[in-house]
N, C-alpha and C. Protein backbone atom coordinates (compact mmCIF):
# COMPACT_ATOMS: atom_id res chain seq x y z
N UNK A 1 29.65 22.10 8.16
CA UNK A 1 30.41 21.05 8.79
C UNK A 1 30.46 19.86 7.84
N UNK A 2 31.58 19.22 7.79
CA UNK A 2 31.71 18.02 6.97
C UNK A 2 31.66 16.81 7.88
N UNK A 3 31.01 15.76 7.37
CA UNK A 3 30.95 14.51 8.12
C UNK A 3 30.82 13.36 7.13
N UNK A 4 31.07 12.18 7.59
CA UNK A 4 30.95 10.99 6.76
C UNK A 4 29.81 10.14 7.30
N UNK A 5 28.93 9.72 6.42
CA UNK A 5 27.81 8.87 6.80
C UNK A 5 27.88 7.56 6.03
N UNK A 6 27.50 6.49 6.69
CA UNK A 6 27.34 5.22 6.01
C UNK A 6 25.85 4.95 5.91
N UNK A 7 25.35 4.90 4.68
CA UNK A 7 23.93 4.68 4.45
C UNK A 7 23.75 3.36 3.71
N UNK A 8 22.63 2.69 3.95
CA UNK A 8 22.34 1.51 3.14
C UNK A 8 22.27 1.90 1.66
N UNK A 9 22.72 1.01 0.80
CA UNK A 9 22.78 1.31 -0.64
C UNK A 9 21.43 1.78 -1.19
N UNK A 10 20.36 1.10 -0.80
CA UNK A 10 19.04 1.46 -1.32
C UNK A 10 18.64 2.86 -0.88
N UNK A 11 18.91 3.20 0.36
CA UNK A 11 18.57 4.53 0.87
C UNK A 11 19.38 5.60 0.15
N UNK A 12 20.68 5.37 -0.01
CA UNK A 12 21.53 6.34 -0.70
C UNK A 12 21.05 6.54 -2.14
N UNK A 13 20.66 5.44 -2.79
CA UNK A 13 20.16 5.54 -4.18
C UNK A 13 18.88 6.36 -4.22
N UNK A 14 17.98 6.14 -3.27
CA UNK A 14 16.72 6.89 -3.25
C UNK A 14 16.95 8.38 -2.98
N UNK A 15 17.90 8.68 -2.13
CA UNK A 15 18.21 10.09 -1.86
C UNK A 15 18.83 10.74 -3.09
N UNK A 16 19.74 10.03 -3.75
CA UNK A 16 20.33 10.58 -4.99
C UNK A 16 19.26 10.82 -6.04
N UNK A 17 18.31 9.88 -6.18
CA UNK A 17 17.23 10.03 -7.17
C UNK A 17 16.34 11.23 -6.80
N UNK A 18 16.05 11.38 -5.53
CA UNK A 18 15.23 12.50 -5.07
C UNK A 18 15.93 13.82 -5.36
N UNK A 19 17.23 13.88 -5.05
CA UNK A 19 17.99 15.11 -5.29
C UNK A 19 18.01 15.45 -6.78
N UNK A 20 18.22 14.44 -7.61
CA UNK A 20 18.26 14.69 -9.06
C UNK A 20 16.90 15.15 -9.57
N UNK A 21 15.83 14.54 -9.08
CA UNK A 21 14.48 14.92 -9.52
C UNK A 21 14.14 16.34 -9.12
N UNK A 22 14.70 16.81 -8.03
CA UNK A 22 14.43 18.16 -7.54
C UNK A 22 15.52 19.15 -7.92
N UNK A 23 16.46 18.68 -8.72
CA UNK A 23 17.59 19.51 -9.17
C UNK A 23 18.33 20.11 -7.96
N UNK A 24 18.61 19.23 -6.97
CA UNK A 24 19.32 19.64 -5.76
C UNK A 24 20.68 18.97 -5.73
N UNK A 25 21.56 19.57 -4.96
CA UNK A 25 22.81 18.89 -4.65
C UNK A 25 22.50 17.82 -3.62
N UNK A 26 23.29 16.76 -3.62
CA UNK A 26 23.07 15.66 -2.69
C UNK A 26 23.12 16.16 -1.24
N UNK A 27 24.09 17.00 -0.92
CA UNK A 27 24.22 17.50 0.45
C UNK A 27 22.99 18.31 0.86
N UNK A 28 22.41 19.06 -0.06
CA UNK A 28 21.22 19.85 0.25
C UNK A 28 20.01 18.95 0.46
N UNK A 29 19.90 17.89 -0.33
CA UNK A 29 18.79 16.95 -0.17
C UNK A 29 18.89 16.24 1.18
N UNK A 30 20.09 15.83 1.56
CA UNK A 30 20.27 15.15 2.85
C UNK A 30 19.96 16.11 3.99
N UNK A 31 20.43 17.35 3.90
CA UNK A 31 20.15 18.33 4.95
C UNK A 31 18.65 18.58 5.07
N UNK A 32 17.96 18.68 3.94
CA UNK A 32 16.52 18.91 3.95
C UNK A 32 15.79 17.72 4.59
N UNK A 33 16.17 16.52 4.22
CA UNK A 33 15.53 15.33 4.79
C UNK A 33 15.79 15.21 6.29
N UNK A 34 16.98 15.56 6.72
CA UNK A 34 17.27 15.54 8.16
C UNK A 34 16.43 16.57 8.91
N UNK A 35 16.27 17.75 8.34
CA UNK A 35 15.44 18.79 8.96
C UNK A 35 14.00 18.32 9.08
N UNK A 36 13.47 17.72 8.03
CA UNK A 36 12.10 17.21 8.06
C UNK A 36 11.97 16.12 9.12
N UNK A 37 12.93 15.22 9.17
CA UNK A 37 12.89 14.15 10.16
C UNK A 37 12.95 14.67 11.58
N UNK A 38 13.80 15.64 11.83
CA UNK A 38 13.92 16.21 13.17
C UNK A 38 12.65 16.97 13.57
N UNK A 39 12.03 17.63 12.60
CA UNK A 39 10.81 18.38 12.90
C UNK A 39 9.67 17.45 13.29
N UNK A 40 9.68 16.23 12.76
CA UNK A 40 8.61 15.28 13.04
C UNK A 40 8.96 14.26 14.11
N UNK A 41 10.16 14.33 14.64
CA UNK A 41 10.59 13.38 15.67
C UNK A 41 9.96 13.76 17.01
N UNK A 42 9.64 12.76 17.82
CA UNK A 42 9.10 13.09 19.14
C UNK A 42 10.14 13.82 19.98
N UNK A 43 9.66 14.66 20.87
CA UNK A 43 10.56 15.42 21.73
C UNK A 43 11.32 14.47 22.65
N UNK A 44 12.49 14.88 23.04
CA UNK A 44 13.29 14.06 23.96
C UNK A 44 12.53 13.90 25.26
N UNK A 45 12.57 12.70 25.79
CA UNK A 45 11.86 12.44 27.03
C UNK A 45 12.54 13.16 28.19
N UNK A 46 11.73 13.82 28.99
CA UNK A 46 12.31 14.46 30.16
C UNK A 46 12.56 13.38 31.22
N UNK A 47 13.38 13.72 32.15
CA UNK A 47 13.72 12.77 33.20
C UNK A 47 12.46 12.40 33.98
N UNK A 48 12.22 11.13 34.13
CA UNK A 48 11.02 10.65 34.80
C UNK A 48 11.22 10.73 36.31
N UNK A 49 10.29 11.36 36.97
CA UNK A 49 10.36 11.47 38.42
C UNK A 49 9.65 10.27 39.04
N UNK A 50 10.17 9.78 40.14
CA UNK A 50 9.46 8.69 40.82
C UNK A 50 8.14 9.21 41.37
N UNK A 51 7.16 8.33 41.54
CA UNK A 51 5.88 8.79 42.06
C UNK A 51 6.00 9.28 43.50
N UNK A 52 5.06 10.12 43.88
CA UNK A 52 5.06 10.63 45.25
C UNK A 52 4.74 9.48 46.20
N UNK A 53 5.20 9.56 47.44
CA UNK A 53 4.89 8.50 48.41
C UNK A 53 3.39 8.35 48.60
N UNK A 54 2.98 7.13 48.90
CA UNK A 54 1.57 6.82 49.12
C UNK A 54 1.29 6.91 50.62
N UNK A 55 0.22 7.60 50.97
CA UNK A 55 -0.17 7.67 52.38
C UNK A 55 -1.23 6.61 52.64
N UNK A 56 -1.01 5.80 53.65
CA UNK A 56 -1.97 4.78 54.04
C UNK A 56 -2.94 5.35 55.06
N UNK A 57 -3.95 4.57 55.41
CA UNK A 57 -4.97 5.02 56.36
C UNK A 57 -4.37 5.46 57.69
N UNK A 58 -3.32 4.80 58.11
CA UNK A 58 -2.69 5.13 59.39
C UNK A 58 -1.64 6.24 59.24
N UNK A 59 -1.66 6.91 58.12
CA UNK A 59 -0.73 8.00 57.82
C UNK A 59 0.71 7.55 57.68
N UNK A 60 0.91 6.25 57.50
CA UNK A 60 2.27 5.74 57.29
C UNK A 60 2.64 5.99 55.83
N UNK A 61 3.82 6.55 55.59
CA UNK A 61 4.27 6.83 54.23
C UNK A 61 5.06 5.63 53.71
N UNK A 62 4.69 5.20 52.51
CA UNK A 62 5.37 4.08 51.86
C UNK A 62 6.15 4.65 50.69
N UNK A 63 7.44 4.36 50.63
CA UNK A 63 8.24 4.88 49.51
C UNK A 63 8.35 3.83 48.40
N UNK A 64 8.94 4.22 47.30
CA UNK A 64 9.03 3.37 46.10
C UNK A 64 9.79 2.08 46.38
N UNK A 65 10.81 2.14 47.21
CA UNK A 65 11.58 0.92 47.53
C UNK A 65 10.72 -0.11 48.24
N UNK A 66 9.87 0.35 49.15
CA UNK A 66 8.99 -0.57 49.87
C UNK A 66 7.93 -1.16 48.93
N UNK A 67 7.44 -0.36 48.00
CA UNK A 67 6.46 -0.85 47.02
C UNK A 67 7.09 -1.92 46.15
N UNK A 68 8.30 -1.64 45.64
CA UNK A 68 8.99 -2.60 44.79
C UNK A 68 9.31 -3.88 45.54
N UNK A 69 9.66 -3.76 46.83
CA UNK A 69 9.93 -4.95 47.64
C UNK A 69 8.67 -5.77 47.83
N UNK A 70 7.53 -5.10 48.02
CA UNK A 70 6.26 -5.82 48.18
C UNK A 70 5.88 -6.52 46.88
N UNK A 71 6.10 -5.87 45.76
CA UNK A 71 5.81 -6.51 44.47
C UNK A 71 6.70 -7.72 44.26
N UNK A 72 7.99 -7.56 44.55
CA UNK A 72 8.92 -8.68 44.39
C UNK A 72 8.55 -9.83 45.32
N UNK A 73 8.13 -9.53 46.54
CA UNK A 73 7.75 -10.57 47.48
C UNK A 73 6.51 -11.30 46.99
N UNK A 74 5.62 -10.58 46.34
CA UNK A 74 4.40 -11.19 45.80
C UNK A 74 4.68 -12.13 44.65
N UNK A 75 5.79 -11.94 43.98
CA UNK A 75 6.17 -12.81 42.85
C UNK A 75 6.75 -14.12 43.33
N UNK A 76 7.27 -14.14 44.56
CA UNK A 76 7.93 -15.35 45.08
C UNK A 76 6.95 -16.38 45.52
């Protein structure tokens, strides 16, 4: 696949120097660096689930909206 990238001048220069030192084509050096970066990148965050409802002593269930309202009321 062909694509166009805009890289900072210093970064592009460092990649060109790395490719030349390793006798690589520029496109191969960029592909290799992207693969390394992706391999070391943190995994995508999964969708965060809201916490389970809290049961009080009287067995009353409090949902997240009520908790957030209580926190907001405490700030006032």
